[in-house]
Protein backbone atom coordinates (compact mmCIF):
# COMPACT_ATOMS: atom_id res chain seq x y z
CA MET A 1 -16.58 -14.05 23.41
CA GLY A 2 -13.59 -13.78 25.76
CA SER A 3 -10.81 -16.32 25.39
CA LEU A 4 -12.70 -19.49 24.55
CA PRO A 5 -10.44 -22.41 23.53
CA ASN A 6 -10.42 -23.07 19.80
CA SER A 7 -10.01 -26.31 17.88
CA ARG A 8 -6.29 -26.37 18.70
CA GLY A 9 -7.04 -26.19 22.41
CA LEU A 10 -5.42 -22.76 22.64
CA THR A 11 -6.96 -19.44 23.54
CA TRP A 12 -6.62 -16.57 21.10
CA GLN A 13 -4.04 -15.01 23.39
CA GLU A 14 -1.95 -18.20 23.40
CA ILE A 15 -2.10 -18.41 19.62
CA GLY A 16 -0.78 -14.86 19.37
CA VAL A 17 2.04 -15.58 21.79
CA GLU A 18 3.08 -18.64 19.82
CA ALA A 19 2.88 -16.85 16.45
CA ARG A 20 5.09 -14.05 17.74
CA ARG A 21 7.52 -16.56 19.25
CA ARG A 22 7.86 -18.35 15.91
CA ARG A 23 8.41 -15.09 14.06
CA ASP A 24 10.96 -13.79 16.53
CA ALA A 25 12.86 -17.09 16.49
CA LEU A 26 13.57 -16.49 12.79
CA ILE A 27 15.36 -13.22 13.49
CA PRO A 28 19.09 -13.94 14.02
CA ALA A 29 20.69 -12.93 17.31
CA GLU A 30 23.21 -10.82 15.44
CA HIS A 31 20.34 -8.69 14.09
CA ARG A 32 19.20 -7.68 17.58
CA LEU A 33 19.38 -4.08 18.70
CA SER A 34 21.10 -3.51 22.01
CA SER A 35 18.96 -2.81 25.05
CA GLU A 36 20.90 0.42 25.54
CA LEU A 37 19.98 1.66 22.05
CA LEU A 38 16.34 0.65 22.42
CA LYS A 39 16.17 2.50 25.72
CA SER A 40 17.82 5.60 24.28
CA ILE A 41 15.32 5.89 21.40
CA ALA A 42 12.22 4.74 23.28
CA ASN A 43 10.68 8.20 23.04
CA VAL A 44 12.04 9.06 19.58
CA THR A 45 9.18 9.37 17.11
CA ASP A 46 11.13 9.38 13.80
CA VAL A 47 13.30 6.27 13.57
CA THR A 48 13.87 6.17 9.81
CA ASN A 49 17.57 7.00 10.13
CA VAL A 50 18.51 4.94 13.15
CA HIS A 51 20.60 2.46 11.13
CA GLU A 52 23.86 4.38 11.38
CA SER A 53 23.72 4.37 15.19
CA THR A 54 23.01 0.64 15.59
CA CYS A 55 26.64 -0.47 14.98
CA LEU A 56 25.17 -3.40 13.04
CA PHE A 57 25.72 -2.23 9.46
CA THR A 58 28.90 -2.00 7.43
CA PRO A 59 29.36 1.05 5.18
CA SER A 60 28.62 -1.16 2.18
CA GLN A 61 25.39 -2.39 3.73
CA LEU A 62 24.28 1.15 4.45
CA GLU A 63 24.90 2.01 0.81
CA ILE A 64 22.95 -1.05 -0.34
CA ILE A 65 19.84 -0.41 1.76
CA SER A 66 19.82 3.25 0.67
CA SER A 67 19.88 2.34 -3.03
CA ILE A 68 16.91 2.24 -5.39
CA ALA A 69 15.85 -0.97 -7.09
CA GLU A 70 17.35 -0.18 -10.48
CA THR A 71 20.72 0.65 -8.93
CA ILE A 72 20.65 -2.66 -7.08
CA VAL A 73 19.94 -4.80 -10.14
CA ALA A 74 22.50 -2.84 -12.18
CA LYS A 75 25.27 -3.31 -9.63
CA VAL A 76 24.48 -6.99 -9.11
CA ALA A 77 24.53 -7.52 -12.89
CA LYS A 78 27.98 -5.91 -13.04
CA SER A 79 29.19 -7.92 -10.03
CA VAL A 80 29.82 -4.76 -8.01
CA TRP A 81 27.61 -6.38 -5.37
CA THR A 82 26.64 -10.01 -5.12
CA ALA A 83 23.00 -10.96 -4.72
CA LEU A 84 24.00 -12.54 -1.41
CA GLU A 85 25.50 -9.29 -0.10
CA VAL A 86 22.33 -7.42 -1.07
CA ALA A 87 20.03 -10.02 0.49
CA GLU A 88 22.01 -10.06 3.73
CA ALA A 89 21.86 -6.26 3.98
CA PHE A 90 18.10 -6.12 3.52
CA CYS A 91 17.47 -9.04 5.87
CA LEU A 92 19.39 -7.13 8.53
CA SER A 93 17.56 -3.90 7.79
CA ALA A 94 14.20 -5.68 7.88
CA SER A 95 15.05 -7.05 11.33
CA VAL A 96 15.86 -3.55 12.56
CA ALA A 97 12.62 -2.23 11.11
CA GLN A 98 10.70 -4.99 12.86
CA GLN A 99 12.16 -4.16 16.26
CA LEU A 100 11.21 -0.48 15.92
CA THR A 101 7.86 -0.59 14.09
CA ASN A 102 6.52 -4.17 14.38
CA CYS A 103 6.06 -4.54 10.62
CA ILE A 104 6.96 -8.19 9.90
CA THR A 105 4.98 -11.43 10.19
CA GLN A 106 7.32 -13.93 8.54
CA PRO A 107 11.09 -13.57 8.06
CA MET A 108 12.07 -15.86 5.18
CA TYR A 109 15.78 -15.18 5.44
CA ALA A 110 17.15 -18.71 5.03
CA GLU A 111 15.19 -19.24 1.81
CA ALA A 112 16.19 -15.80 0.55
CA LEU A 113 19.91 -16.38 1.11
CA GLN A 114 19.66 -19.71 -0.69
CA GLN A 115 17.96 -17.99 -3.63
CA ALA A 116 20.65 -15.29 -3.64
CA LYS A 117 23.43 -17.88 -3.77
CA TYR A 118 21.68 -19.57 -6.70
CA LEU A 119 21.53 -16.25 -8.55
CA ASP A 120 25.22 -15.55 -7.92
CA ASP A 121 26.14 -19.02 -9.18
CA TYR A 122 23.96 -18.52 -12.25
CA LEU A 123 25.61 -15.20 -13.09
CA LEU A 124 29.08 -16.65 -12.60
CA LYS A 125 28.33 -19.70 -14.73
CA HIS A 126 26.38 -18.07 -17.58
CA GLY A 127 27.80 -14.56 -17.59
CA LYS A 128 24.33 -13.02 -17.65
CA VAL A 129 21.46 -12.29 -15.30
CA ILE A 130 18.48 -14.57 -15.00
CA GLY A 131 16.01 -11.73 -15.57
CA PRO A 132 15.36 -7.99 -15.13
CA LEU A 133 14.98 -8.27 -11.34
CA HIS A 134 18.14 -10.34 -10.78
CA GLY A 135 19.30 -9.89 -7.19
CA LEU A 136 16.47 -7.59 -6.08
CA PRO A 137 14.99 -8.36 -2.64
CA VAL A 138 11.20 -7.99 -2.70
CA SER A 139 8.99 -7.91 0.39
CA LEU A 140 5.52 -9.46 0.28
CA LYS A 141 2.28 -8.66 2.04
CA ASP A 142 1.25 -11.35 4.54
CA ASN A 143 -1.64 -12.74 2.46
CA ILE A 144 0.59 -13.74 -0.46
CA ILE A 145 1.02 -17.51 -0.29
CA THR A 146 4.66 -18.57 0.22
CA PRO A 147 4.76 -22.18 1.45
CA PRO A 148 5.27 -23.27 4.18
CA PHE A 149 4.82 -19.92 5.93
CA PRO A 150 1.44 -18.94 7.37
CA SER A 151 -0.64 -16.28 5.66
CA CYS A 152 -2.93 -15.26 8.49
CA ALA A 153 -4.47 -12.17 6.83
CA GLY A 154 -4.63 -10.69 10.32
CA TYR A 155 -6.84 -13.45 11.75
CA VAL A 156 -5.86 -15.27 14.93
CA ASP A 157 -7.57 -18.37 13.51
CA TRP A 158 -5.06 -18.64 10.66
CA ALA A 159 -1.94 -17.49 12.52
CA LEU A 160 -0.39 -20.94 13.08
CA GLU A 161 -1.70 -22.56 9.92
CA THR A 162 1.01 -23.98 7.68
CA THR A 163 0.76 -23.61 3.91
CA GLU A 164 3.25 -26.42 3.32
CA ASN A 165 0.97 -28.27 0.89
CA TRP A 166 -0.44 -25.16 -0.78
CA PRO A 167 0.72 -23.96 -4.21
CA GLU A 168 2.92 -20.89 -4.19
CA ALA A 169 1.24 -17.72 -5.47
CA PRO A 170 2.03 -17.54 -9.23
CA VAL A 171 3.35 -13.99 -8.93
CA VAL A 172 5.95 -15.17 -6.38
CA THR A 173 7.05 -17.93 -8.74
CA HIS A 174 7.25 -15.43 -11.58
CA LEU A 175 9.18 -12.91 -9.50
CA LYS A 176 11.77 -15.55 -8.66
CA SER A 177 12.02 -16.54 -12.32
CA LEU A 178 12.76 -12.87 -13.08
CA GLY A 179 15.55 -12.88 -10.48
CA ALA A 180 13.77 -11.34 -7.49
CA ILE A 181 14.42 -12.57 -3.95
CA PRO A 182 11.32 -12.77 -1.72
CA TYR A 183 12.69 -12.53 1.82
CA VAL A 184 10.02 -11.29 4.24
CA LYS A 185 6.25 -11.09 4.71
CA THR A 186 4.67 -8.03 6.24
CA ALA A 187 1.92 -7.16 8.69
CA VAL A 188 -1.73 -6.51 7.88
CA PRO A 189 -4.83 -5.64 9.93
CA THR A 190 -7.55 -8.10 10.89
CA ALA A 191 -9.24 -9.36 7.70
CA MET A 192 -7.15 -6.80 5.79
CA MET A 193 -10.19 -4.54 5.97
CA MET A 194 -9.02 -1.77 8.30
CA PRO A 195 -7.27 1.50 7.33
CA GLU A 196 -4.47 0.90 9.81
CA THR A 197 -2.42 -2.19 10.58
CA ARG A 198 -3.46 -3.69 13.90
CA ASN A 199 -4.54 -7.20 14.77
CA ASN A 200 -4.78 -9.58 17.72
CA VAL A 201 -1.84 -11.71 16.55
CA TYR A 202 1.01 -9.23 16.15
CA ALA A 203 -0.52 -5.98 17.56
CA ASP A 204 0.03 -2.52 16.02
CA THR A 205 2.45 -1.56 13.28
CA LEU A 206 3.88 1.91 13.87
CA ASN A 207 4.70 4.68 11.43
CA PRO A 208 8.51 5.06 11.37
CA HIS A 209 8.28 8.79 10.54
CA ASN A 210 6.17 9.39 13.65
CA ARG A 211 5.59 6.35 15.84
CA LYS A 212 2.60 8.04 17.46
CA LEU A 213 0.80 7.73 14.13
CA SER A 214 -0.45 4.77 12.11
CA SER A 215 1.38 3.20 9.18
CA GLY A 216 -1.94 2.74 7.38
CA GLY A 217 -3.66 -0.37 6.11
CA SER A 218 -4.01 -2.85 4.93
CA SER A 219 -0.49 -2.98 3.46
CA GLY A 220 0.81 -1.11 6.50
CA GLY A 221 3.62 -3.54 7.21
CA GLU A 222 4.93 -2.90 3.70
CA GLY A 223 4.68 0.85 4.23
CA ALA A 224 6.63 0.82 7.49
CA LEU A 225 9.26 -1.64 6.24
CA ILE A 226 9.97 0.27 3.03
CA ALA A 227 10.07 3.63 4.82
CA MET A 228 12.66 2.10 7.17
CA ARG A 229 14.87 1.06 4.23
CA GLY A 230 14.02 -2.52 5.11
CA SER A 231 12.93 -3.19 1.54
CA PRO A 232 13.65 -1.57 -1.82
CA LEU A 233 10.33 -2.73 -3.26
CA GLY A 234 7.22 -4.30 -1.76
CA VAL A 235 4.07 -5.95 -3.06
CA GLY A 236 0.78 -4.85 -1.54
CA THR A 237 -2.89 -5.33 -2.33
CA ASP A 238 -5.72 -2.82 -2.62
CA ILE A 239 -9.51 -3.17 -2.44
CA GLY A 240 -10.32 0.19 -0.88
CA GLY A 241 -7.00 2.01 -0.51
CA SER A 242 -4.71 -0.64 0.94
CA ILE A 243 -1.73 0.22 -1.26
CA ARG A 244 -2.32 3.95 -1.44
CA ILE A 245 -3.02 4.77 2.21
CA PRO A 246 0.18 3.08 3.52
CA SER A 247 2.14 4.66 0.66
CA ALA A 248 0.85 8.13 1.48
CA TRP A 249 1.22 7.76 5.24
CA ASN A 250 4.82 6.52 4.95
CA ASN A 251 6.06 9.04 2.35
CA LEU A 252 6.25 6.47 -0.44
CA PHE A 253 5.21 5.95 -4.04
CA GLY A 254 2.55 3.33 -4.70
CA LEU A 255 0.63 2.09 -7.73
CA ARG A 256 -2.94 0.79 -7.61
CA PRO A 257 -3.48 -0.86 -11.02
CA SER A 258 -6.79 -1.78 -12.58
CA ALA A 259 -7.96 -5.35 -12.18
CA GLY A 260 -6.53 -7.85 -14.64
CA ARG A 261 -3.16 -6.16 -15.10
CA PHE A 262 -1.12 -7.89 -12.35
CA SER A 263 -1.81 -11.38 -11.01
CA HIS A 264 -3.71 -11.71 -7.74
CA THR A 265 -4.11 -15.48 -8.03
CA GLY A 266 -2.83 -17.44 -5.03
CA PHE A 267 -3.33 -14.62 -2.55
CA ARG A 268 -5.33 -15.38 0.57
CA ASN A 269 -8.63 -13.60 -0.02
CA VAL A 270 -10.97 -12.86 2.87
CA PHE A 271 -13.84 -12.16 0.45
CA GLU A 272 -13.51 -15.18 -1.82
CA GLY A 273 -16.03 -14.85 -4.66
CA GLN A 274 -16.70 -11.13 -4.18
CA GLU A 275 -16.12 -9.85 -7.71
CA ALA A 276 -17.95 -6.52 -7.85
CA VAL A 277 -14.95 -4.67 -6.40
CA LYS A 278 -11.85 -6.65 -7.26
CA VAL A 279 -8.75 -6.86 -5.13
CA VAL A 280 -5.60 -5.88 -7.04
CA GLN A 281 -1.92 -6.09 -6.23
CA GLY A 282 0.73 -3.52 -6.95
CA PRO A 283 4.16 -2.17 -5.99
CA ILE A 284 5.23 0.24 -3.24
CA SER A 285 8.66 1.88 -3.07
CA ARG A 286 10.62 4.93 -1.97
CA ASP A 287 11.17 5.93 -5.60
CA LEU A 288 9.01 6.13 -8.69
CA SER A 289 11.30 4.21 -11.06
CA SER A 290 10.96 1.06 -8.95
CA LEU A 291 7.22 0.99 -9.60
CA LYS A 292 7.86 1.01 -13.31
CA LEU A 293 10.62 -1.60 -13.07
CA TYR A 294 8.28 -3.98 -11.24
CA SER A 295 5.27 -3.29 -13.44
CA LYS A 296 7.06 -3.65 -16.74
CA ALA A 297 8.89 -6.80 -15.65
CA LEU A 298 5.66 -8.50 -14.62
CA VAL A 299 3.68 -7.49 -17.69
CA ASP A 300 6.55 -8.41 -20.03
CA SER A 301 6.58 -11.90 -18.51
CA GLU A 302 3.14 -12.47 -20.14
CA MET A 303 1.56 -14.07 -17.11
CA TRP A 304 -1.78 -13.93 -18.91
CA LEU A 305 -0.71 -17.08 -20.75
CA SER A 306 -1.03 -19.02 -17.49
CA ASP A 307 -3.38 -16.90 -15.36
CA ALA A 308 -6.96 -16.73 -16.64
CA THR A 309 -7.72 -13.61 -14.56
CA LEU A 310 -5.29 -11.42 -16.50
CA LEU A 311 -5.80 -9.30 -19.59
CA PRO A 312 -3.34 -9.77 -22.48
CA ILE A 313 -2.14 -6.17 -22.56
CA PRO A 314 1.60 -5.71 -23.23
CA TRP A 315 3.48 -2.90 -21.50
CA ARG A 316 2.93 0.25 -23.54
CA THR A 317 5.25 3.19 -24.12
CA VAL A 318 3.60 6.49 -23.21
CA ASN A 319 4.66 9.56 -25.14
CA LEU A 320 3.18 12.43 -23.20
CA LEU A 321 2.32 15.73 -24.81
CA PRO A 322 4.34 18.81 -23.80
CA ASN A 323 3.38 20.24 -20.43
CA ASN A 324 1.49 23.14 -22.00
CA GLU A 325 -0.83 20.64 -23.67
CA LEU A 326 -1.47 18.55 -20.57
CA CYS A 327 -4.48 19.17 -18.37
CA PHE A 328 -5.24 17.92 -14.87
CA ALA A 329 -8.38 18.34 -12.83
CA PHE A 330 -8.10 18.57 -9.05
CA HIS A 331 -10.09 18.65 -5.84
CA LYS A 332 -9.18 18.68 -2.16
CA TYR A 333 -12.60 18.00 -0.63
CA ASP A 334 -15.00 15.27 -1.79
CA LYS A 335 -18.08 16.81 -0.12
CA VAL A 336 -18.25 13.85 2.29
CA VAL A 337 -15.34 14.32 4.73
CA ARG A 338 -13.12 17.38 4.79
CA CYS A 339 -9.37 16.83 4.85
CA HIS A 340 -7.09 18.13 7.58
CA PRO A 341 -5.12 21.34 6.81
CA PRO A 342 -1.83 19.59 5.86
CA ILE A 343 -3.64 17.60 3.14
CA GLU A 344 -5.37 20.67 1.72
CA ARG A 345 -2.01 22.44 1.64
CA GLY A 346 -0.44 19.45 -0.10
CA VAL A 347 -2.97 19.61 -2.93
CA ASP A 348 -2.40 23.37 -3.22
CA ILE A 349 1.36 22.80 -3.47
CA VAL A 350 0.92 20.34 -6.34
CA VAL A 351 -1.60 22.49 -8.19
CA ASP A 352 0.61 25.59 -7.92
CA ALA A 353 3.70 23.64 -9.03
CA LEU A 354 1.94 22.18 -12.06
CA ARG A 355 0.60 25.58 -13.08
CA LYS A 356 4.12 27.00 -12.89
CA ALA A 357 5.20 24.09 -15.10
CA ASP A 358 2.64 25.21 -17.74
CA VAL A 359 0.17 22.38 -17.04
CA THR A 360 -3.47 23.46 -17.25
CA MET A 361 -5.38 22.86 -14.00
CA ILE A 362 -9.16 22.87 -13.75
CA ASP A 363 -11.54 22.22 -10.87
CA TRP A 364 -13.06 18.76 -10.51
CA GLU A 365 -16.47 18.64 -8.91
CA PRO A 366 -16.68 15.35 -6.92
CA LYS A 367 -20.46 15.40 -7.00
CA LEU A 368 -20.80 11.62 -7.25
CA HIS A 369 -18.41 10.61 -4.47
CA ALA A 370 -21.07 10.35 -1.77
CA GLN A 371 -23.07 8.06 -4.03
CA ALA A 372 -20.00 5.96 -4.78
CA TRP A 373 -19.34 5.51 -1.05
CA SER A 374 -22.95 4.46 -0.48
CA ILE A 375 -22.53 1.68 -3.06
CA LEU A 376 -19.08 0.51 -2.01
CA ARG A 377 -19.70 -0.20 1.67
CA PRO A 378 -22.70 -2.55 1.30
CA LEU A 379 -20.92 -4.48 -1.46
CA PHE A 380 -18.21 -5.36 1.05
CA ARG A 381 -20.87 -6.68 3.42
CA ALA A 382 -23.05 -8.43 0.85
CA ASP A 383 -22.62 -11.76 2.68
CA GLY A 384 -23.96 -10.15 5.83
CA GLY A 385 -20.47 -10.06 7.34
CA LYS A 386 -20.52 -13.85 7.72
CA GLU A 387 -17.05 -14.60 6.37
CA VAL A 388 -15.30 -12.08 8.61
CA THR A 389 -17.42 -12.98 11.62
CA SER A 390 -16.84 -16.73 11.27
CA ARG A 391 -13.08 -16.24 11.32
CA ILE A 392 -13.02 -13.81 14.24
CA GLU A 393 -15.45 -15.77 16.40
CA ALA A 394 -13.67 -19.09 15.70
CA THR A 395 -11.13 -18.17 18.39
CA GLY A 396 -13.03 -15.56 20.36
CA GLU A 397 -10.53 -12.86 19.48
CA PRO A 398 -11.80 -9.34 20.25
CA TRP A 399 -13.41 -7.14 17.64
CA PHE A 400 -11.75 -3.88 16.68
CA PRO A 401 -14.18 -0.95 16.37
CA TYR A 402 -13.27 -0.64 12.68
CA MET A 403 -14.85 -4.09 12.13
CA HIS A 404 -18.13 -3.57 13.98
CA ASP A 405 -20.09 -3.15 10.74
CA TYR A 406 -19.31 -6.76 9.83
CA ARG A 407 -20.11 -8.04 13.31
CA ASP A 408 -23.40 -6.16 13.50
CA ALA A 409 -24.47 -7.27 10.03
CA ALA A 410 -23.82 -10.91 10.90
CA ARG A 411 -25.62 -10.74 14.21
CA ALA A 412 -28.62 -9.07 12.57
CA GLY A 413 -28.64 -11.60 9.71
CA ASN A 414 -28.30 -8.79 7.19
CA ASP A 415 -27.20 -10.80 4.15
CA LEU A 416 -28.05 -8.98 0.95
CA PRO A 417 -30.38 -11.04 -1.25
CA THR A 418 -29.13 -11.65 -4.77
CA SER A 419 -31.66 -9.17 -6.12
CA GLN A 420 -30.28 -6.40 -3.89
CA THR A 421 -26.67 -7.26 -4.76
CA TRP A 422 -27.55 -7.12 -8.44
CA LYS A 423 -29.20 -3.76 -7.90
CA LEU A 424 -26.03 -2.40 -6.28
CA GLN A 425 -23.91 -3.73 -9.12
CA ALA A 426 -26.27 -2.10 -11.63
CA GLN A 427 -25.83 1.18 -9.75
CA GLN A 428 -22.07 0.65 -9.89
CA THR A 429 -22.22 0.23 -13.69
CA LYS A 430 -24.40 3.31 -14.06
CA LEU A 431 -22.06 5.30 -11.85
CA ALA A 432 -19.05 4.24 -13.92
CA GLN A 433 -20.73 5.57 -17.06
CA GLU A 434 -21.59 8.84 -15.32
CA TYR A 435 -17.95 9.26 -14.25
CA LEU A 436 -16.75 8.54 -17.77
CA ASP A 437 -19.20 11.09 -19.14
CA MET A 438 -17.99 13.65 -16.58
CA TRP A 439 -14.39 12.93 -17.57
CA ASN A 440 -15.11 13.33 -21.28
CA ALA A 441 -17.11 16.52 -20.66
CA THR A 442 -13.97 18.23 -19.36
CA ALA A 443 -12.90 18.64 -22.99
CA LYS A 444 -15.10 21.75 -23.03
CA ALA A 445 -12.97 23.31 -20.27
CA THR A 446 -9.47 22.54 -21.52
CA PRO A 447 -7.56 24.79 -23.93
CA THR A 448 -6.70 21.86 -26.18
CA GLY A 449 -10.26 20.57 -26.52
CA ARG A 450 -9.16 17.21 -25.10
CA PRO A 451 -10.48 15.65 -21.90
CA ILE A 452 -8.29 15.88 -18.82
CA ASP A 453 -5.30 13.57 -18.56
CA ALA A 454 -5.73 12.84 -14.85
CA ILE A 455 -7.23 13.97 -11.56
CA ILE A 456 -5.15 15.17 -8.62
CA ALA A 457 -6.82 14.35 -5.29
CA PRO A 458 -6.07 13.60 -1.64
CA VAL A 459 -5.35 10.02 -0.62
CA SER A 460 -7.04 10.45 2.75
CA ALA A 461 -8.09 13.18 5.13
CA TRP A 462 -5.04 12.58 7.35
CA ALA A 463 -1.29 13.01 7.12
CA ALA A 464 -1.12 9.55 8.71
CA ALA A 465 -3.93 9.11 11.23
CA ALA A 466 -3.54 8.77 14.95
CA HIS A 467 -4.32 5.21 16.03
CA GLY A 468 -8.01 4.44 15.87
CA LYS A 469 -8.97 7.76 14.26
CA CYS A 470 -9.29 6.94 10.54
CA LEU A 471 -13.07 7.03 10.08
CA TYR A 472 -13.24 7.31 6.28
CA THR A 473 -11.52 5.81 3.24
CA GLY A 474 -13.74 7.28 0.52
CA TYR A 475 -10.91 9.26 -1.09
CA THR A 476 -9.38 5.96 -2.20
CA GLY A 477 -12.42 3.65 -2.26
CA VAL A 478 -14.22 5.52 -5.01
CA TRP A 479 -11.47 4.62 -7.48
CA ASN A 480 -11.68 0.93 -6.51
CA LEU A 481 -15.38 1.01 -7.30
CA LEU A 482 -14.57 2.50 -10.72
CA ASP A 483 -11.39 0.40 -11.15
CA TYR A 484 -9.31 3.41 -12.21
CA SER A 485 -5.51 3.33 -12.16
CA THR A 486 -3.94 5.53 -9.48
CA CYS A 487 -0.43 6.44 -8.37
CA VAL A 488 0.57 7.99 -5.05
CA VAL A 489 3.20 10.75 -5.01
CA PRO A 490 4.71 12.13 -1.75
CA VAL A 491 4.53 15.93 -1.52
CA THR A 492 5.53 17.40 1.85
CA TRP A 493 5.16 17.06 5.63
CA ALA A 494 2.61 18.27 8.12
CA ASP A 495 4.01 21.26 9.95
CA LYS A 496 2.45 22.51 13.17
CA THR A 497 3.75 26.03 12.50
CA ILE A 498 2.01 26.21 9.11
CA ASP A 499 -0.94 23.83 9.32
CA THR A 500 -2.81 25.62 12.05
CA LYS A 501 -6.57 25.73 12.53
CA SER A 502 -7.30 28.84 10.49
CA LYS A 503 -10.44 30.95 10.92
CA GLU A 504 -11.78 29.45 7.69
CA TYR A 505 -11.19 25.95 9.03
CA LEU A 506 -12.82 26.75 12.36
CA ASP A 507 -15.82 28.33 10.61
CA TYR A 508 -16.45 25.18 8.55
CA THR A 509 -19.83 23.49 9.04
CA PRO A 510 -19.46 19.68 8.88
CA VAL A 511 -21.93 17.81 6.69
CA ASP A 512 -22.58 15.06 9.24
CA GLU A 513 -21.37 13.51 12.49
CA ARG A 514 -18.45 11.62 10.92
CA ASP A 515 -17.26 14.73 9.14
CA ARG A 516 -17.52 16.64 12.44
CA LYS A 517 -15.39 14.05 14.26
CA VAL A 518 -12.65 14.19 11.65
CA TRP A 519 -12.74 18.00 11.55
CA GLU A 520 -12.65 18.43 15.33
CA GLU A 521 -9.99 15.75 15.84
CA TYR A 522 -7.27 17.65 13.93
CA ASP A 523 -4.44 18.72 16.25
CA PRO A 524 -1.35 20.36 14.71
CA GLU A 525 0.85 18.97 17.48
CA VAL A 526 -0.33 15.38 17.05
CA TYR A 527 0.05 15.34 13.28
CA HIS A 528 3.33 17.23 13.08
CA HIS A 529 5.75 15.52 10.67
CA GLY A 530 3.06 13.30 9.22
CA PRO A 531 3.68 12.60 5.51
CA VAL A 532 1.51 14.45 2.99
CA ALA A 533 0.83 12.92 -0.43
CA ILE A 534 -1.60 13.09 -3.35
CA GLN A 535 -2.86 10.50 -5.78
CA ILE A 536 -2.90 10.80 -9.55
CA ILE A 537 -5.99 9.14 -11.00
CA THR A 538 -6.13 8.04 -14.61
CA ARG A 539 -8.80 6.06 -16.37
CA LYS A 540 -9.13 2.31 -16.30
CA LEU A 541 -6.06 0.27 -17.35
CA GLU A 542 -3.85 3.35 -17.77
CA GLU A 543 -1.06 2.28 -15.45
CA GLU A 544 1.64 3.42 -17.86
CA LYS A 545 0.08 6.86 -18.10
CA ALA A 546 -0.36 7.14 -14.34
CA LEU A 547 3.35 6.49 -13.84
CA ALA A 548 4.33 8.89 -16.63
CA LEU A 549 2.15 11.66 -15.21
CA ALA A 550 3.60 10.99 -11.77
CA GLU A 551 6.97 11.90 -13.26
CA VAL A 552 5.49 15.20 -14.43
CA VAL A 553 4.33 15.92 -10.89
CA VAL A 554 7.67 14.94 -9.34
CA ARG A 555 9.56 17.23 -11.70
CA ALA A 556 7.11 20.07 -11.12
CA LEU A 557 7.74 19.70 -7.38
CA GLY A 558 11.45 20.11 -7.99
CA GLY A 559 12.40 16.45 -7.86
CA THR A 560 14.36 14.49 -10.42
CA VAL A 561 13.35 11.37 -12.28
CA PRO A 562 16.45 9.97 -13.97
CA LYS A 563 16.22 8.29 -17.35
CA THR A 564 15.97 4.59 -16.72
CA SER A 565 17.45 1.68 -18.63
CA PHE A 566 14.05 0.08 -19.16
CA GLU A 567 12.42 2.99 -21.01
């Protein structure tokens, strides 16, 4: 549709220019990187440790932005750091991350510093913190409503729209009541329905570990920001992998909870009324303990008393069995799209480590994954792609290839009749029972006679995809369809000297054209130093167990998970 003027009298290009101007105007001049530094690192792919060479940070600020969430709240509570000092450090780091990866849509620095001063005054006056997140900066995905800032959800049509008269998302209000400091909103793809973060308003968000690769989607801005130490903890959303893919591709931990556990009310939803596959929100961080800190604080605040979408389930203490009584199933190929060699190696690393830690490992046969994928995709387009198409065509912004399914469905008038939607939902229910039966049947294969505790699986076929190359999100989407709890754990890095195209890989026969494209596209040089992660899948509403089992995996891999004050 070209660049037709919209209702504001602006072309889609002009709207993007103005949105970027407004964003950039909120970044202080003293946060700007020098032209000399930008020129010197123009061809550097890994920019995660550039902070020390910027000459912008004090030693104290470098310590702050390198600290985990629990350390931050502990030191603020003891007045080692003020909330203002912490907020200033992360605002600066977020600005640096933006200039190198394009991960931010809305700096909210002035409001954040005001909130930090309030928290410092409260602590000084009352001698105690306001809540368990006192002084913790928290970044927010773009679609979370924070008046008056726009929440464009990647659409040009919404990019300049104020939310001044909109109610704040309840979770933001609750986070502030717990002492958190929302300070920045992060980039998303168009309609938040693409596996990498690119849109016609702010352009592409880059992966800070390898800027030739994608940061993932749809919470890709969160992924890049957190990987750059621009945030200690971020809030993302997930309907098909949007927390887990950015977590995996940016070497982060991420939790995809079941629906009804954490509030999603007040988020801008591009599929309003679509309830078959619910959108959920959850935390992303560089460390595992931050996920638990966030989750427990939210659940303990009993938001279900004011949010009708939530289930009244208190945070539960999980007492795991000894390792020699635990049992995981695993797979590294879902029989739909084969993973690249670094991902297969990552699963092998985890399986071998768990076996050495006395955890029983059994094969999981993903025989229903193809069926799950065939149900999931049409549910997303049940309205015939009308909602997405109406927003994109309102300004004439170009379509990304990832979104052509929605465009083509709308142009063909392919709305699903209610009877067909009901049929898909009935298939979804039947599939959920079949998965549960499969899970329970594993009791016959475990030495304890109990069903498996979790499944270890890839997050995606890529160790962070090259731009435009992510053709499949079934490794994550299947668990959205089933509403299982999942936690992402970083494992290793793609290595061109190890992850070569072996004879076995070259002799593989793809199952279809998409599988062939993914298989052929792998290039050890391109994907070198891409992050490799796995996801731990537990059954529905087992967030506590997913996090506890993630600790088992981290320790098996040789990492440490310190005892936390909130256990």
